[in-house]
Amino acid sequence: MAPAEVDPSAPGAVKILIAEDEPVSRLRLQSTLQRWGYKVTTAGDGAEALHEMQKPDRPGIAILDWMMPHVDGLDVCRSIRATADRDYTYVILLTSLDREEDIVAGFDAGADDYITKPFSLHELHARIRTGVRIVRLHEQLRAAAMHDSLTGLLNRRAFFEIFEKEVSRAKRQQLSLGILMVDLDHFKQVNDQHGHLAGDAVLREAARRLRRRVRATDVVGRYGGEEFVVALPGSDLKQAVSIAEEFRHCIASEPFEVPSGRLTMTTSVGVVTTWDMAEAEHLLKTADEALYRAKAAGRNRVVADLRTAA
């Protein structure tokens, strides 16, 4: 009896690459995995497999035939492991070789698992399920390393990595890029007068309100302490200021629930939008200077740096 089928509409379906030069075997594997509910892409040789693995949405699991023309499975595996900065890919090698030295060579190349031909569908399914667990664990660990544990927003390091890419993309495509530097006014008084639990509650709620006011394409991070930062790809000055004003209003218009009661908060925002693309660090510094001017002018306001506006 074949393994139980997986609901194809189940969330978090893992994408799998099948690299097999024998067409009948490749098609059989593809149809089987699709029936189990996985997203499948295929390659007829190692060169095609490498091309698939270089894509931004590369597969989470790669099933590689060892013996392929041009580039064999071991070379593909080594290439995958050489890109350690990418999301983790679980590699399963398929081969008729079963000598101990062959198995060791496969693991030395970076394979996670090894299936000797011919194999049963039960065995394949079990090994893929193991791969899915490992891939999802890596995803969870990566997400934890990128996000601030209190607010759930990107942490400072992760935000800057993504922001640098957005700056590069804006340069290439000649697009404007908006940056908001956001600071909760008089936040130290919250900790001093109401305790750190109240301060944490305010930060969590402020982050939640900020997420509600931005688009799916925007990048939001906790910059440090009570300071948040937002990158707005494609936003001109008017759009960026409008988003900043919406956020300022949503902070001031509704009290924050904390263990000791309800607190009224305000926020100050510095805004930068630019076509004359400087480096990422300079843009953040300019946004921070605009925020400083907003606080110096009395807080609870938005100040835009007009020098860099398109």
Protein backbone atom coordinates (compact mmCIF):
# COMPACT_ATOMS: atom_id res chain seq x y z
CA MET A 1 0.00 0.00 0.00
CA ALA A 2 1.33 3.46 -0.93
CA PRO A 3 2.07 6.02 1.83
CA ALA A 4 -0.81 8.21 2.92
CA GLU A 5 -1.23 11.27 0.77
CA VAL A 6 -0.63 14.77 2.10
CA ASP A 7 -3.18 17.53 1.61
CA PRO A 8 -1.67 19.64 -1.24
CA SER A 9 -3.31 22.77 0.16
CA ALA A 10 -1.67 22.36 3.56
CA PRO A 11 0.28 25.51 4.53
CA GLY A 12 4.05 25.45 4.46
CA ALA A 13 4.35 22.89 1.66
CA VAL A 14 8.04 22.31 0.97
CA LYS A 15 9.43 22.76 -2.53
CA ILE A 16 11.50 19.78 -3.73
CA LEU A 17 14.01 19.55 -6.59
CA ILE A 18 14.36 16.25 -8.41
CA ALA A 19 17.60 16.07 -10.39
CA GLU A 20 17.57 12.85 -12.41
CA ASP A 21 18.85 12.34 -15.96
CA GLU A 22 16.65 9.29 -16.65
CA PRO A 23 13.29 10.71 -17.92
CA VAL A 24 11.04 7.85 -16.81
CA SER A 25 12.43 7.80 -13.26
CA ARG A 26 12.26 11.59 -13.06
CA LEU A 27 8.62 11.67 -14.17
CA ARG A 28 7.66 8.86 -11.77
CA LEU A 29 9.29 10.65 -8.85
CA GLN A 30 7.70 13.94 -9.82
CA SER A 31 4.16 12.53 -10.02
CA THR A 32 4.59 10.65 -6.73
CA LEU A 33 5.83 13.67 -4.80
CA GLN A 34 3.14 15.90 -6.26
CA ARG A 35 0.52 13.34 -5.21
CA TRP A 36 1.93 13.57 -1.68
CA GLY A 37 1.35 17.32 -1.76
CA TYR A 38 4.84 18.72 -2.37
CA LYS A 39 5.76 21.47 -4.80
CA VAL A 40 8.13 19.87 -7.29
CA THR A 41 10.64 21.22 -9.79
CA THR A 42 12.84 18.99 -11.95
CA ALA A 43 16.23 19.01 -13.64
CA GLY A 44 17.57 16.65 -16.28
CA ASP A 45 21.21 17.04 -15.32
CA GLY A 46 23.51 18.62 -12.77
CA ALA A 47 23.85 21.90 -14.66
CA GLU A 48 20.07 22.40 -14.63
CA ALA A 49 20.02 21.51 -10.95
CA LEU A 50 22.62 24.18 -10.19
CA HIS A 51 20.53 26.72 -12.10
CA GLU A 52 17.46 25.86 -9.98
CA MET A 53 19.46 26.13 -6.77
CA GLN A 54 20.67 29.63 -7.67
CA LYS A 55 17.12 31.01 -7.78
CA PRO A 56 15.90 33.19 -4.87
CA ASP A 57 13.14 30.69 -4.03
CA ARG A 58 15.37 27.65 -4.27
CA PRO A 59 13.95 24.31 -3.06
CA GLY A 60 14.13 23.28 0.58
CA ILE A 61 14.86 19.66 -0.35
CA ALA A 62 17.03 18.43 -3.23
CA ILE A 63 16.85 14.79 -4.38
CA LEU A 64 19.98 14.33 -6.52
CA ASP A 65 20.94 11.38 -8.65
CA TRP A 66 24.64 10.76 -8.10
CA MET A 67 25.45 9.87 -11.71
CA MET A 68 24.41 12.72 -14.02
CA PRO A 69 26.04 14.14 -17.17
CA HIS A 70 28.05 17.38 -17.10
CA VAL A 71 27.82 17.91 -13.33
CA ASP A 72 27.22 14.97 -11.00
CA GLY A 73 25.20 14.90 -7.79
CA LEU A 74 28.24 15.30 -5.55
CA ASP A 75 29.27 18.50 -7.35
CA VAL A 76 25.75 19.88 -7.03
CA CYS A 77 25.77 19.03 -3.34
CA ARG A 78 29.12 20.76 -2.80
CA SER A 79 27.82 23.85 -4.60
CA ILE A 80 24.73 23.96 -2.38
CA ARG A 81 26.86 23.76 0.75
CA ALA A 82 29.18 26.50 -0.55
CA THR A 83 26.28 28.98 -0.33
CA ALA A 84 26.01 28.90 3.44
CA ASP A 85 24.36 32.33 3.53
CA ARG A 86 21.23 30.94 1.83
CA ASP A 87 18.31 29.11 3.40
CA TYR A 88 19.20 25.53 4.29
CA THR A 89 18.57 22.83 1.68
CA TYR A 90 18.25 19.22 2.78
CA VAL A 91 20.06 16.99 0.25
CA ILE A 92 19.17 13.36 -0.47
CA LEU A 93 21.49 11.45 -2.82
CA LEU A 94 20.09 8.67 -5.03
CA THR A 95 22.55 6.07 -6.26
CA SER A 96 23.12 2.41 -7.01
CA LEU A 97 26.53 2.65 -5.32
CA ASP A 98 26.50 1.02 -1.91
CA ARG A 99 30.14 0.64 -0.92
CA GLU A 100 31.15 2.17 2.40
CA GLU A 101 33.62 4.53 0.72
CA ASP A 102 30.87 5.77 -1.62
CA ILE A 103 28.55 6.50 1.28
CA VAL A 104 31.33 8.36 3.10
CA ALA A 105 32.09 10.37 -0.06
CA GLY A 106 28.44 11.38 -0.30
CA PHE A 107 28.31 12.63 3.28
CA ASP A 108 31.68 14.36 2.90
CA ALA A 109 30.20 16.29 -0.05
CA GLY A 110 27.49 17.60 2.27
CA ALA A 111 24.60 15.19 1.72
CA ASP A 112 22.12 14.83 4.57
CA ASP A 113 20.78 11.44 3.52
CA TYR A 114 21.47 8.63 1.09
CA ILE A 115 19.07 6.23 -0.67
CA THR A 116 20.32 3.21 -2.58
CA LYS A 117 18.43 2.20 -5.72
CA PRO A 118 16.06 0.47 -5.99
CA PHE A 119 14.09 1.91 -3.06
CA SER A 120 10.52 1.66 -1.83
CA LEU A 121 8.08 4.55 -1.76
CA HIS A 122 7.69 4.04 1.99
CA GLU A 123 11.41 4.59 2.47
CA LEU A 124 11.44 7.66 0.24
CA HIS A 125 8.42 9.16 1.99
CA ALA A 126 9.94 8.61 5.43
CA ARG A 127 13.22 10.24 4.43
CA ILE A 128 11.46 13.22 2.85
CA ARG A 129 9.42 13.73 6.02
CA THR A 130 12.68 13.81 7.96
CA GLY A 131 13.99 16.39 5.51
CA VAL A 132 10.87 18.53 5.96
CA ARG A 133 11.35 18.51 9.76
CA ILE A 134 14.99 19.58 9.40
CA VAL A 135 14.20 22.33 6.87
CA ARG A 136 11.43 23.74 9.05
CA LEU A 137 13.69 23.63 12.10
CA HIS A 138 16.31 25.64 10.20
CA GLU A 139 13.58 28.10 9.15
CA GLN A 140 12.52 28.54 12.77
CA LEU A 141 16.10 29.05 13.95
CA ARG A 142 16.78 31.54 11.16
CA ALA A 143 13.59 33.45 11.96
CA ALA A 144 14.51 33.55 15.65
CA ALA A 145 17.97 34.88 14.82
CA MET A 146 16.50 37.63 12.60
CA HIS A 147 13.69 38.86 14.84
CA ASP A 148 13.51 40.79 18.06
CA SER A 149 12.13 38.46 20.73
CA LEU A 150 9.99 41.14 22.42
CA THR A 151 8.26 42.80 19.46
CA GLY A 152 8.56 40.18 16.74
CA LEU A 153 10.00 42.80 14.37
CA LEU A 154 13.28 42.37 12.53
CA ASN A 155 16.25 43.00 14.78
CA ARG A 156 18.75 45.71 13.93
CA ARG A 157 21.23 43.44 12.15
CA ALA A 158 18.58 41.69 10.06
CA PHE A 159 16.90 44.98 9.15
CA PHE A 160 20.17 46.48 7.95
CA GLU A 161 20.96 43.42 5.79
CA ILE A 162 17.59 43.66 4.06
CA PHE A 163 17.74 47.46 3.89
CA GLU A 164 21.08 47.36 2.08
CA LYS A 165 19.48 45.13 -0.56
CA GLU A 166 16.55 47.54 -0.91
CA VAL A 167 18.96 50.45 -1.40
CA SER A 168 20.81 48.50 -4.11
CA ARG A 169 17.53 47.58 -5.81
CA ALA A 170 16.35 51.21 -5.72
CA LYS A 171 19.61 52.32 -7.34
CA ARG A 172 19.33 49.74 -10.12
CA GLN A 173 15.70 50.51 -10.88
CA GLN A 174 15.91 54.28 -10.25
CA LEU A 175 13.13 54.19 -7.66
CA SER A 176 12.58 56.37 -4.64
CA LEU A 177 13.03 54.82 -1.22
CA GLY A 178 11.45 56.10 1.97
CA ILE A 179 12.87 55.65 5.46
CA LEU A 180 11.06 56.32 8.73
CA MET A 181 12.97 56.57 11.99
CA VAL A 182 10.42 56.28 14.81
CA ASP A 183 10.90 56.97 18.53
CA LEU A 184 8.38 56.71 21.38
CA ASP A 185 8.39 59.99 23.30
CA HIS A 186 9.38 60.00 26.99
CA PHE A 187 9.62 56.22 27.03
CA LYS A 188 12.14 56.23 29.89
CA GLN A 189 9.44 57.67 32.14
CA VAL A 190 7.28 54.61 31.46
CA ASN A 191 10.00 52.28 32.75
CA ASP A 192 10.87 54.57 35.67
CA GLN A 193 7.29 55.19 36.83
CA HIS A 194 5.48 51.98 35.85
CA GLY A 195 8.22 49.36 35.61
CA HIS A 196 9.79 47.38 32.81
CA LEU A 197 6.77 45.11 32.37
CA ALA A 198 4.78 48.18 31.42
CA GLY A 199 7.57 49.30 29.11
CA ASP A 200 7.59 45.91 27.40
CA ALA A 201 3.81 46.03 26.96
CA VAL A 202 4.08 49.47 25.33
CA LEU A 203 6.81 48.31 22.95
CA ARG A 204 4.85 45.23 21.90
CA GLU A 205 1.70 47.25 21.25
CA ALA A 206 3.59 49.98 19.40
CA ALA A 207 5.14 47.33 17.15
CA ARG A 208 1.71 45.82 16.51
CA ARG A 209 0.27 49.22 15.53
CA LEU A 210 3.25 49.90 13.29
CA ARG A 211 2.85 46.60 11.45
CA ARG A 212 -0.82 47.42 10.84
CA ARG A 213 0.08 50.71 9.14
CA VAL A 214 2.63 49.43 6.63
CA ARG A 215 2.42 47.46 3.38
CA ALA A 216 3.50 43.86 2.91
CA THR A 217 6.49 45.07 0.86
CA ASP A 218 7.73 47.44 3.58
CA VAL A 219 10.56 46.42 5.92
CA VAL A 220 10.06 47.04 9.65
CA GLY A 221 12.62 46.63 12.41
CA ARG A 222 13.36 47.46 16.01
CA TYR A 223 16.38 49.70 15.79
CA GLY A 224 17.12 49.71 19.50
CA GLY A 225 15.37 50.51 22.78
CA GLU A 226 12.19 52.40 21.96
CA GLU A 227 13.29 53.19 18.39
CA PHE A 228 11.85 51.56 15.27
CA VAL A 229 12.84 51.89 11.62
CA VAL A 230 10.82 51.34 8.45
CA ALA A 231 11.95 51.11 4.82
CA LEU A 232 9.28 52.04 2.26
CA PRO A 233 10.32 50.83 -1.22
CA GLY A 234 8.94 53.00 -4.02
CA SER A 235 7.51 55.66 -1.69
CA ASP A 236 7.89 59.33 -2.53
CA LEU A 237 8.00 62.06 0.12
CA LYS A 238 4.24 62.57 0.23
CA GLN A 239 3.55 58.85 0.68
CA ALA A 240 6.24 58.42 3.32
CA VAL A 241 5.05 61.42 5.34
CA SER A 242 1.46 60.18 5.08
CA ILE A 243 2.43 56.78 6.51
CA ALA A 244 4.45 58.47 9.25
CA GLU A 245 1.49 60.69 10.19
CA GLU A 246 -0.85 57.69 10.28
CA PHE A 247 1.48 55.93 12.68
CA ARG A 248 1.94 59.04 14.83
CA HIS A 249 -1.85 59.39 15.05
CA CYS A 250 -2.49 55.73 15.90
CA ILE A 251 -0.02 55.95 18.80
CA ALA A 252 -1.52 59.13 20.26
CA SER A 253 -5.20 58.42 19.64
CA GLU A 254 -5.61 55.29 21.75
CA PRO A 255 -4.22 54.61 25.25
CA PHE A 256 -1.86 51.70 25.89
CA GLU A 257 -2.98 48.95 28.27
CA VAL A 258 -0.27 48.11 30.84
CA PRO A 259 -0.39 46.07 34.09
CA SER A 260 -0.87 49.23 36.18
CA GLY A 261 -3.59 50.76 33.99
CA ARG A 262 -3.67 52.82 30.81
CA LEU A 263 -0.98 55.13 29.45
CA THR A 264 -1.12 57.86 26.84
CA MET A 265 1.86 57.82 24.50
CA THR A 266 3.11 59.92 21.59
CA THR A 267 5.81 59.38 19.01
CA SER A 268 8.21 61.40 16.90
CA VAL A 269 9.18 60.40 13.34
CA GLY A 270 12.01 61.40 11.04
CA VAL A 271 11.39 60.89 7.32
CA VAL A 272 13.81 60.63 4.39
CA THR A 273 12.95 59.90 0.77
CA THR A 274 15.56 60.07 -1.94
CA TRP A 275 16.34 59.49 -5.61
CA ASP A 276 19.97 60.48 -5.17
CA MET A 277 20.85 57.17 -3.57
CA ALA A 278 23.47 57.38 -0.85
CA GLU A 279 24.77 54.36 1.02
CA ALA A 280 22.43 52.63 3.46
CA GLU A 281 24.28 53.90 6.55
CA HIS A 282 24.06 57.51 5.33
CA LEU A 283 20.32 57.25 4.68
CA LEU A 284 19.68 55.90 8.18
CA LYS A 285 21.88 58.63 9.68
CA THR A 286 19.92 61.30 7.78
CA ALA A 287 16.61 59.84 8.97
CA ASP A 288 17.93 59.81 12.53
CA GLU A 289 18.89 63.49 12.23
CA ALA A 290 15.34 64.29 11.07
CA LEU A 291 14.00 62.39 14.09
CA TYR A 292 16.25 64.42 16.39
CA ARG A 293 14.80 67.63 14.93
CA ALA A 294 11.27 66.33 15.51
CA LYS A 295 12.04 65.71 19.18
CA ALA A 296 13.83 69.04 19.56
CA ALA A 297 10.79 70.83 18.10
CA GLY A 298 8.51 69.51 20.83
CA ARG A 299 7.92 65.80 20.02
CA ASN A 300 4.70 64.17 18.77
CA ARG A 301 5.42 65.27 15.22
CA VAL A 302 6.81 64.20 11.85
CA VAL A 303 9.81 65.96 10.35
CA ALA A 304 10.97 65.23 6.80
CA ASP A 305 14.47 65.87 5.43
CA LEU A 306 13.73 67.82 2.26
CA ARG A 307 17.33 67.85 1.05
CA THR A 308 17.08 64.30 -0.27
CA ALA A 309 13.50 64.42 -1.55
CA ALA A 310 12.86 63.74 -5.21
